Amino acid sequence: MATLFIADLHLDASRPQITALFERYLAGSEVRHADALYILGDLVEAWIGDDDDAELPARIATATRAVRDAGVPVYFMAGNRDFLLGPAFAAHAGLSLLDDGTVHDIQGRRTLLMHGDVLCTDDLAYQAVRRQVRTPAWQAQILAMPLPARRAFAAKAREDSKAHTGSTMESIMDVNGAAVAEAMRKAQVTRLIHGHTHRPAVHDFRLDGAAAQRIVLGDWYEHGSVLRVDATGVELRGLAVA
């Protein structure tokens, strides 16, 4: 049995091949025979509310609910693109919501699970925006807007994000090593799994003299990416688009 992790799918109507890959993977034997499936944020390019009547949220709910109905828990942790996903959609889609920074026992090892954006502490502009959009008042204001207005707002936010990414040094947008160490010490773990940075890798290092590991999940822009953790170790691999 294995525990599976995915993140940063950025599902969007403009990339139907990736949505189809997501559906195929969730319907496949690896997922249906897993101990659990974890989705660590940015499942979609933009989430405008649980009342979104577009086709994509309905397809996502169908795929994840089928996994849950097959007896495999599906855990979801919000990222910076889907932090408005709430309990109504989660219940419909069979998702168990997780707080960022949750610690779970993964194959016998305490593991810190994060989306990863809070670790990018050198990106001061991003962190300022993050603090604003995570406030209940800001979220209530956005969700009170009609759907067409929210779609327009999300489109503008995506353009602003692209502009920020294009004008900011890559090193600034990566995780800060001190922030990683602090988070792991606070959680009392030696393994961290996160996404967000789109830099898939398994980093082995020393933390306060002990062997430690940070695993970064890959994005799904051009192909899929999955982390498999089982009794034999960890495997981070890509998934080809058919």
C-alpha atoms as a PDB file:
ATOM      1  CA  MET A   1       0.000   0.000   0.000  1.00  0.00           C
ATOM      2  CA  ALA A   2       1.171   3.517  -0.756  1.00  0.00           C
ATOM      3  CA  THR A   3       0.271   7.095   0.120  1.00  0.00           C
ATOM      4  CA  LEU A   4       0.048   9.428  -2.873  1.00  0.00           C
ATOM      5  CA  PHE A   5       0.613  13.181  -3.110  1.00  0.00           C
ATOM      6  CA  ILE A   6      -0.140  15.677  -5.872  1.00  0.00           C
ATOM      7  CA  ALA A   7      -0.186  19.485  -5.990  1.00  0.00           C
ATOM      8  CA  ASP A   8      -0.111  22.446  -8.331  1.00  0.00           C
ATOM      9  CA  LEU A   9      -2.354  20.940 -10.989  1.00  0.00           C
ATOM     10  CA  HIS A  10      -3.700  24.403 -11.884  1.00  0.00           C
ATOM     11  CA  LEU A  11      -6.641  22.777 -13.659  1.00  0.00           C
ATOM     12  CA  ASP A  12      -8.237  25.173 -16.094  1.00  0.00           C
ATOM     13  CA  ALA A  13     -10.642  24.996 -19.017  1.00  0.00           C
ATOM     14  CA  SER A  14      -7.841  26.212 -21.311  1.00  0.00           C
ATOM     15  CA  ARG A  15      -5.834  23.004 -20.683  1.00  0.00           C
ATOM     16  CA  PRO A  16      -8.359  20.173 -21.146  1.00  0.00           C
ATOM     17  CA  GLN A  17      -5.640  17.562 -21.634  1.00  0.00           C
ATOM     18  CA  ILE A  18      -4.466  18.064 -18.046  1.00  0.00           C
ATOM     19  CA  THR A  19      -7.985  17.794 -16.666  1.00  0.00           C
ATOM     20  CA  ALA A  20      -8.389  14.535 -18.609  1.00  0.00           C
ATOM     21  CA  LEU A  21      -5.061  13.274 -17.197  1.00  0.00           C
ATOM     22  CA  PHE A  22      -6.243  14.101 -13.676  1.00  0.00           C
ATOM     23  CA  GLU A  23      -9.469  12.162 -14.234  1.00  0.00           C
ATOM     24  CA  ARG A  24      -7.642   9.157 -15.696  1.00  0.00           C
ATOM     25  CA  TYR A  25      -5.138   9.060 -12.882  1.00  0.00           C
ATOM     26  CA  LEU A  26      -7.788   9.203 -10.177  1.00  0.00           C
ATOM     27  CA  ALA A  27      -9.694   6.414 -11.924  1.00  0.00           C
ATOM     28  CA  GLY A  28      -6.593   4.218 -12.150  1.00  0.00           C
ATOM     29  CA  SER A  29      -5.515   1.307  -9.995  1.00  0.00           C
ATOM     30  CA  GLU A  30      -2.692   3.128  -8.190  1.00  0.00           C
ATOM     31  CA  VAL A  31      -5.083   5.651  -6.665  1.00  0.00           C
ATOM     32  CA  ARG A  32      -7.916   3.189  -6.073  1.00  0.00           C
ATOM     33  CA  HIS A  33      -5.573   0.870  -4.118  1.00  0.00           C
ATOM     34  CA  ALA A  34      -3.775   3.598  -2.161  1.00  0.00           C
ATOM     35  CA  ASP A  35      -3.864   4.219   1.576  1.00  0.00           C
ATOM     36  CA  ALA A  36      -4.766   7.842   0.860  1.00  0.00           C
ATOM     37  CA  LEU A  37      -4.509  10.604  -1.736  1.00  0.00           C
ATOM     38  CA  TYR A  38      -3.322  14.057  -0.671  1.00  0.00           C
ATOM     39  CA  ILE A  39      -3.852  17.177  -2.808  1.00  0.00           C
ATOM     40  CA  LEU A  40      -1.588  19.891  -1.380  1.00  0.00           C
ATOM     41  CA  GLY A  41      -3.008  22.998  -2.985  1.00  0.00           C
ATOM     42  CA  ASP A  42      -3.498  24.769  -6.293  1.00  0.00           C
ATOM     43  CA  LEU A  43      -5.797  22.080  -7.615  1.00  0.00           C
ATOM     44  CA  VAL A  44      -7.209  24.704  -9.971  1.00  0.00           C
ATOM     45  CA  GLU A  45      -5.886  27.828 -11.638  1.00  0.00           C
ATOM     46  CA  ALA A  46      -8.470  29.902  -9.796  1.00  0.00           C
ATOM     47  CA  TRP A  47     -11.295  29.037  -7.393  1.00  0.00           C
ATOM     48  CA  ILE A  48     -14.023  31.672  -7.303  1.00  0.00           C
ATOM     49  CA  GLY A  49     -16.327  30.024  -4.785  1.00  0.00           C
ATOM     50  CA  ASP A  50     -18.137  26.800  -4.032  1.00  0.00           C
ATOM     51  CA  ASP A  51     -21.144  28.078  -5.999  1.00  0.00           C
ATOM     52  CA  ASP A  52     -19.217  28.177  -9.293  1.00  0.00           C
ATOM     53  CA  ASP A  53     -21.514  26.633 -11.925  1.00  0.00           C
ATOM     54  CA  ALA A  54     -18.793  25.994 -14.521  1.00  0.00           C
ATOM     55  CA  GLU A  55     -18.107  22.481 -15.828  1.00  0.00           C
ATOM     56  CA  LEU A  56     -14.648  22.091 -14.274  1.00  0.00           C
ATOM     57  CA  PRO A  57     -15.637  22.060 -10.576  1.00  0.00           C
ATOM     58  CA  ALA A  58     -18.316  19.463 -11.328  1.00  0.00           C
ATOM     59  CA  ARG A  59     -15.769  17.230 -13.104  1.00  0.00           C
ATOM     60  CA  ILE A  60     -13.329  17.564 -10.220  1.00  0.00           C
ATOM     61  CA  ALA A  61     -16.025  16.647  -7.700  1.00  0.00           C
ATOM     62  CA  THR A  62     -17.023  13.595  -9.715  1.00  0.00           C
ATOM     63  CA  ALA A  63     -13.421  12.363  -9.887  1.00  0.00           C
ATOM     64  CA  THR A  64     -12.549  12.898  -6.228  1.00  0.00           C
ATOM     65  CA  ARG A  65     -15.879  11.615  -4.917  1.00  0.00           C
ATOM     66  CA  ALA A  66     -15.377   8.374  -6.843  1.00  0.00           C
ATOM     67  CA  VAL A  67     -12.023   7.863  -5.119  1.00  0.00           C
ATOM     68  CA  ARG A  68     -13.574   8.488  -1.715  1.00  0.00           C
ATOM     69  CA  ASP A  69     -16.466   6.157  -2.513  1.00  0.00           C
ATOM     70  CA  ALA A  70     -13.904   3.472  -3.374  1.00  0.00           C
ATOM     71  CA  GLY A  71     -12.708   3.660   0.227  1.00  0.00           C
ATOM     72  CA  VAL A  72      -9.605   5.827  -0.306  1.00  0.00           C
ATOM     73  CA  PRO A  73      -9.474   9.028   1.797  1.00  0.00           C
ATOM     74  CA  VAL A  74      -8.857  12.183  -0.255  1.00  0.00           C
ATOM     75  CA  TYR A  75      -7.272  15.025   1.700  1.00  0.00           C
ATOM     76  CA  PHE A  76      -7.203  18.585   0.396  1.00  0.00           C
ATOM     77  CA  MET A  77      -5.070  21.501   1.573  1.00  0.00           C
ATOM     78  CA  ALA A  78      -5.693  24.915   0.046  1.00  0.00           C
ATOM     79  CA  GLY A  79      -3.005  26.677  -1.947  1.00  0.00           C
ATOM     80  CA  ASN A  80      -2.701  30.261  -3.140  1.00  0.00           C
ATOM     81  CA  ARG A  81      -5.070  29.642  -6.070  1.00  0.00           C
ATOM     82  CA  ASP A  82      -7.875  27.760  -4.321  1.00  0.00           C
ATOM     83  CA  PHE A  83      -8.004  29.139  -0.769  1.00  0.00           C
ATOM     84  CA  LEU A  84     -11.690  30.017  -1.312  1.00  0.00           C
ATOM     85  CA  LEU A  85     -12.592  26.349  -1.633  1.00  0.00           C
ATOM     86  CA  GLY A  86     -14.852  25.704   1.322  1.00  0.00           C
ATOM     87  CA  PRO A  87     -16.709  23.010   3.232  1.00  0.00           C
ATOM     88  CA  ALA A  88     -19.711  22.949   0.879  1.00  0.00           C
ATOM     89  CA  PHE A  89     -17.660  21.844  -2.120  1.00  0.00           C
ATOM     90  CA  ALA A  90     -15.474  19.613   0.036  1.00  0.00           C
ATOM     91  CA  ALA A  91     -18.513  17.700   1.273  1.00  0.00           C
ATOM     92  CA  HIS A  92     -19.858  17.359  -2.268  1.00  0.00           C
ATOM     93  CA  ALA A  93     -16.487  16.197  -3.608  1.00  0.00           C
ATOM     94  CA  GLY A  94     -15.632  13.809  -0.783  1.00  0.00           C
ATOM     95  CA  LEU A  95     -12.652  15.861   0.358  1.00  0.00           C
ATOM     96  CA  SER A  96     -11.304  16.015   3.900  1.00  0.00           C
ATOM     97  CA  LEU A  97      -9.982  19.540   4.452  1.00  0.00           C
ATOM     98  CA  LEU A  98      -6.545  20.015   6.030  1.00  0.00           C
ATOM     99  CA  ASP A  99      -4.995  23.116   7.549  1.00  0.00           C
ATOM    100  CA  ASP A 100      -1.680  24.212   6.099  1.00  0.00           C
ATOM    101  CA  GLY A 101       1.001  22.834   8.372  1.00  0.00           C
ATOM    102  CA  THR A 102      -0.816  19.629   9.313  1.00  0.00           C
ATOM    103  CA  VAL A 103       1.303  16.733  10.601  1.00  0.00           C
ATOM    104  CA  HIS A 104       0.214  13.232   9.579  1.00  0.00           C
ATOM    105  CA  ASP A 105       1.762   9.826  10.070  1.00  0.00           C
ATOM    106  CA  ILE A 106       2.791   8.812   6.546  1.00  0.00           C
ATOM    107  CA  GLN A 107       3.881   5.197   6.309  1.00  0.00           C
ATOM    108  CA  GLY A 108       5.070   5.244   9.911  1.00  0.00           C
ATOM    109  CA  ARG A 109       6.870   8.610   9.804  1.00  0.00           C
ATOM    110  CA  ARG A 110       5.583  11.904  11.193  1.00  0.00           C
ATOM    111  CA  THR A 111       5.432  14.211   8.184  1.00  0.00           C
ATOM    112  CA  LEU A 112       4.736  17.926   7.940  1.00  0.00           C
ATOM    113  CA  LEU A 113       2.398  18.769   5.051  1.00  0.00           C
ATOM    114  CA  MET A 114       2.289  22.270   3.582  1.00  0.00           C
ATOM    115  CA  HIS A 115       1.344  23.976   0.352  1.00  0.00           C
ATOM    116  CA  GLY A 116       4.690  25.738   0.581  1.00  0.00           C
ATOM    117  CA  ASP A 117       3.956  29.397  -0.083  1.00  0.00           C
ATOM    118  CA  VAL A 118       4.384  30.488   3.552  1.00  0.00           C
ATOM    119  CA  LEU A 119       7.967  29.209   3.342  1.00  0.00           C
ATOM    120  CA  CYS A 120       8.817  31.725   0.586  1.00  0.00           C
ATOM    121  CA  THR A 121       9.520  34.441   3.132  1.00  0.00           C
ATOM    122  CA  ASP A 122      11.957  36.355   0.909  1.00  0.00           C
ATOM    123  CA  ASP A 123       9.079  37.289  -1.434  1.00  0.00           C
ATOM    124  CA  LEU A 124       7.792  40.156   0.690  1.00  0.00           C
ATOM    125  CA  ALA A 125       5.299  41.419  -1.908  1.00  0.00           C
ATOM    126  CA  TYR A 126       3.681  38.001  -2.210  1.00  0.00           C
ATOM    127  CA  GLN A 127       3.484  37.525   1.549  1.00  0.00           C
ATOM    128  CA  ALA A 128       1.744  40.896   1.939  1.00  0.00           C
ATOM    129  CA  VAL A 129      -0.903  39.899  -0.615  1.00  0.00           C
ATOM    130  CA  ARG A 130      -1.291  36.501   1.024  1.00  0.00           C
ATOM    131  CA  ARG A 131      -2.000  38.044   4.407  1.00  0.00           C
ATOM    132  CA  GLN A 132      -4.673  40.275   2.882  1.00  0.00           C
ATOM    133  CA  VAL A 133      -6.551  37.612   0.917  1.00  0.00           C
ATOM    134  CA  ARG A 134      -6.644  35.155   3.820  1.00  0.00           C
ATOM    135  CA  THR A 135      -8.662  37.514   6.045  1.00  0.00           C
ATOM    136  CA  PRO A 136     -12.345  36.600   6.543  1.00  0.00           C
ATOM    137  CA  ALA A 137     -13.443  40.144   5.662  1.00  0.00           C
ATOM    138  CA  TRP A 138     -11.661  40.120   2.289  1.00  0.00           C
ATOM    139  CA  GLN A 139     -12.985  36.677   1.420  1.00  0.00           C
ATOM    140  CA  ALA A 140     -16.551  37.594   2.385  1.00  0.00           C
ATOM    141  CA  GLN A 141     -16.352  40.675   0.172  1.00  0.00           C
ATOM    142  CA  ILE A 142     -15.179  38.655  -2.819  1.00  0.00           C
ATOM    143  CA  LEU A 143     -17.711  35.863  -2.350  1.00  0.00           C
ATOM    144  CA  ALA A 144     -20.530  38.407  -2.159  1.00  0.00           C
ATOM    145  CA  MET A 145     -19.797  39.487  -5.735  1.00  0.00           C
ATOM    146  CA  PRO A 146     -21.819  37.937  -8.590  1.00  0.00           C
ATOM    147  CA  LEU A 147     -20.123  35.076 -10.447  1.00  0.00           C
ATOM    148  CA  PRO A 148     -19.273  37.088 -13.601  1.00  0.00           C
ATOM    149  CA  ALA A 149     -17.539  39.718 -11.470  1.00  0.00           C
ATOM    150  CA  ARG A 150     -15.613  37.045  -9.586  1.00  0.00           C
ATOM    151  CA  ARG A 151     -14.493  35.463 -12.868  1.00  0.00           C
ATOM    152  CA  ALA A 152     -13.229  38.830 -14.085  1.00  0.00           C
ATOM    153  CA  PHE A 153     -11.472  39.430 -10.759  1.00  0.00           C
ATOM    154  CA  ALA A 154      -9.788  36.015 -10.921  1.00  0.00           C
ATOM    155  CA  ALA A 155      -8.591  36.670 -14.475  1.00  0.00           C
ATOM    156  CA  LYS A 156      -7.063  39.985 -13.389  1.00  0.00           C
ATOM    157  CA  ALA A 157      -5.430  38.309 -10.384  1.00  0.00           C
ATOM    158  CA  ARG A 158      -3.839  35.693 -12.657  1.00  0.00           C
ATOM    159  CA  GLU A 159      -2.398  38.402 -14.893  1.00  0.00           C
ATOM    160  CA  ASP A 160      -1.017  40.239 -11.869  1.00  0.00           C
ATOM    161  CA  SER A 161       0.543  36.997 -10.636  1.00  0.00           C
ATOM    162  CA  LYS A 162       2.216  36.381 -13.988  1.00  0.00           C
ATOM    163  CA  ALA A 163       3.589  39.918 -13.979  1.00  0.00           C
ATOM    164  CA  HIS A 164       4.979  39.469 -10.477  1.00  0.00           C
ATOM    165  CA  THR A 165       6.547  36.121 -11.352  1.00  0.00           C
ATOM    166  CA  GLY A 166       8.095  37.537 -14.497  1.00  0.00           C
ATOM    167  CA  SER A 167       9.687  40.466 -12.689  1.00  0.00           C
ATOM    168  CA  THR A 168      10.925  38.681  -9.537  1.00  0.00           C
ATOM    169  CA  MET A 169      14.175  36.744  -9.165  1.00  0.00           C
ATOM    170  CA  GLU A 170      13.618  32.992  -8.977  1.00  0.00           C
ATOM    171  CA  SER A 171      15.685  32.729  -5.810  1.00  0.00           C
ATOM    172  CA  ILE A 172      13.320  35.137  -4.053  1.00  0.00           C
ATOM    173  CA  MET A 173      10.289  33.020  -5.007  1.00  0.00           C
ATOM    174  CA  ASP A 174      11.846  29.803  -3.666  1.00  0.00           C
ATOM    175  CA  VAL A 175      11.536  28.633  -0.076  1.00  0.00           C
ATOM    176  CA  ASN A 176      13.752  30.166   2.580  1.00  0.00           C
ATOM    177  CA  GLY A 177      16.002  27.606   4.258  1.00  0.00           C
ATOM    178  CA  ALA A 178      15.622  29.129   7.705  1.00  0.00           C
ATOM    179  CA  ALA A 179      11.828  29.127   7.333  1.00  0.00           C
ATOM    180  CA  VAL A 180      11.917  25.445   6.379  1.00  0.00           C
ATOM    181  CA  ALA A 181      14.046  24.559   9.402  1.00  0.00           C
ATOM    182  CA  GLU A 182      11.848  26.601  11.746  1.00  0.00           C
ATOM    183  CA  ALA A 183       8.653  24.966  10.472  1.00  0.00           C
ATOM    184  CA  MET A 184      10.095  21.485  10.833  1.00  0.00           C
ATOM    185  CA  ARG A 185      11.432  22.166  14.323  1.00  0.00           C
ATOM    186  CA  LYS A 186       8.087  23.573  15.444  1.00  0.00           C
ATOM    187  CA  ALA A 187       6.280  20.506  14.082  1.00  0.00           C
ATOM    188  CA  GLN A 188       8.952  18.180  15.538  1.00  0.00           C
ATOM    189  CA  VAL A 189       9.421  16.312  12.258  1.00  0.00           C
ATOM    190  CA  THR A 190      12.288  15.296  10.012  1.00  0.00           C
ATOM    191  CA  ARG A 191      10.232  15.090   6.811  1.00  0.00           C
ATOM    192  CA  LEU A 192       8.375  17.875   4.999  1.00  0.00           C
ATOM    193  CA  ILE A 193       6.269  17.513   1.842  1.00  0.00           C
ATOM    194  CA  HIS A 194       5.116  20.625  -0.019  1.00  0.00           C
ATOM    195  CA  GLY A 195       4.359  22.076  -3.423  1.00  0.00           C
ATOM    196  CA  HIS A 196       4.010  25.655  -4.703  1.00  0.00           C
ATOM    197  CA  THR A 197       7.499  26.263  -6.087  1.00  0.00           C
ATOM    198  CA  HIS A 198       7.139  23.903  -9.093  1.00  0.00           C
ATOM    199  CA  ARG A 199      10.645  22.566  -8.454  1.00  0.00           C
ATOM    200  CA  PRO A 200      10.146  18.822  -7.941  1.00  0.00           C
ATOM    201  CA  ALA A 201      12.981  17.255  -5.982  1.00  0.00           C
ATOM    202  CA  VAL A 202      13.863  15.176  -2.959  1.00  0.00           C
ATOM    203  CA  HIS A 203      16.238  17.138  -0.721  1.00  0.00           C
ATOM    204  CA  ASP A 204      18.134  15.169   1.924  1.00  0.00           C
ATOM    205  CA  PHE A 205      19.899  17.303   4.531  1.00  0.00           C
ATOM    206  CA  ARG A 206      20.786  17.540   8.207  1.00  0.00           C
ATOM    207  CA  LEU A 207      18.516  19.279  10.697  1.00  0.00           C
ATOM    208  CA  ASP A 208      20.054  19.825  14.121  1.00  0.00           C
ATOM    209  CA  GLY A 209      22.336  16.857  13.504  1.00  0.00           C
ATOM    210  CA  ALA A 210      19.577  14.470  12.385  1.00  0.00           C
ATOM    211  CA  ALA A 211      18.862  13.178   8.885  1.00  0.00           C
ATOM    212  CA  ALA A 212      15.989  15.158   7.378  1.00  0.00           C
ATOM    213  CA  GLN A 213      14.140  15.293   4.089  1.00  0.00           C
ATOM    214  CA  ARG A 214      12.184  17.923   2.146  1.00  0.00           C
ATOM    215  CA  ILE A 215      10.164  16.676  -0.820  1.00  0.00           C
ATOM    216  CA  VAL A 216       8.869  19.191  -3.356  1.00  0.00           C
ATOM    217  CA  LEU A 217       5.951  18.144  -5.554  1.00  0.00           C
ATOM    218  CA  GLY A 218       5.899  18.940  -9.264  1.00  0.00           C
ATOM    219  CA  ASP A 219       3.330  20.953 -11.198  1.00  0.00           C
ATOM    220  CA  TRP A 220       0.907  19.699 -13.854  1.00  0.00           C
ATOM    221  CA  TYR A 221       1.311  22.366 -16.525  1.00  0.00           C
ATOM    222  CA  GLU A 222       2.718  20.137 -19.272  1.00  0.00           C
ATOM    223  CA  HIS A 223       2.465  16.687 -17.650  1.00  0.00           C
ATOM    224  CA  GLY A 224       1.428  15.166 -14.356  1.00  0.00           C
ATOM    225  CA  SER A 225       3.545  14.672 -11.257  1.00  0.00           C
ATOM    226  CA  VAL A 226       2.977  12.345  -8.308  1.00  0.00           C
ATOM    227  CA  LEU A 227       4.825  11.402  -5.152  1.00  0.00           C
ATOM    228  CA  ARG A 228       4.423   7.814  -3.972  1.00  0.00           C
ATOM    229  CA  VAL A 229       5.448   6.959  -0.412  1.00  0.00           C
ATOM    230  CA  ASP A 230       5.451   3.328   0.676  1.00  0.00           C
ATOM    231  CA  ALA A 231       7.380   0.944   2.909  1.00  0.00           C
ATOM    232  CA  THR A 232      10.311   0.902   0.475  1.00  0.00           C
ATOM    233  CA  GLY A 233      10.788   4.672   0.343  1.00  0.00           C
ATOM    234  CA  VAL A 234       9.703   7.585  -1.823  1.00  0.00           C
ATOM    235  CA  GLU A 235       9.277   7.912  -5.584  1.00  0.00           C
ATOM    236  CA  LEU A 236       8.670  11.239  -7.310  1.00  0.00           C
ATOM    237  CA  ARG A 237       7.708  10.728 -10.943  1.00  0.00           C
ATOM    238  CA  GLY A 238       5.977  12.316 -13.902  1.00  0.00           C
ATOM    239  CA  LEU A 239       2.739  11.277 -15.589  1.00  0.00           C
ATOM    240  CA  ALA A 240       2.539  11.505 -19.361  1.00  0.00           C
ATOM    241  CA  VAL A 241      -0.365  13.118 -21.159  1.00  0.00           C
ATOM    242  CA  ALA A 242      -1.977  10.567 -23.484  1.00  0.00           C
END
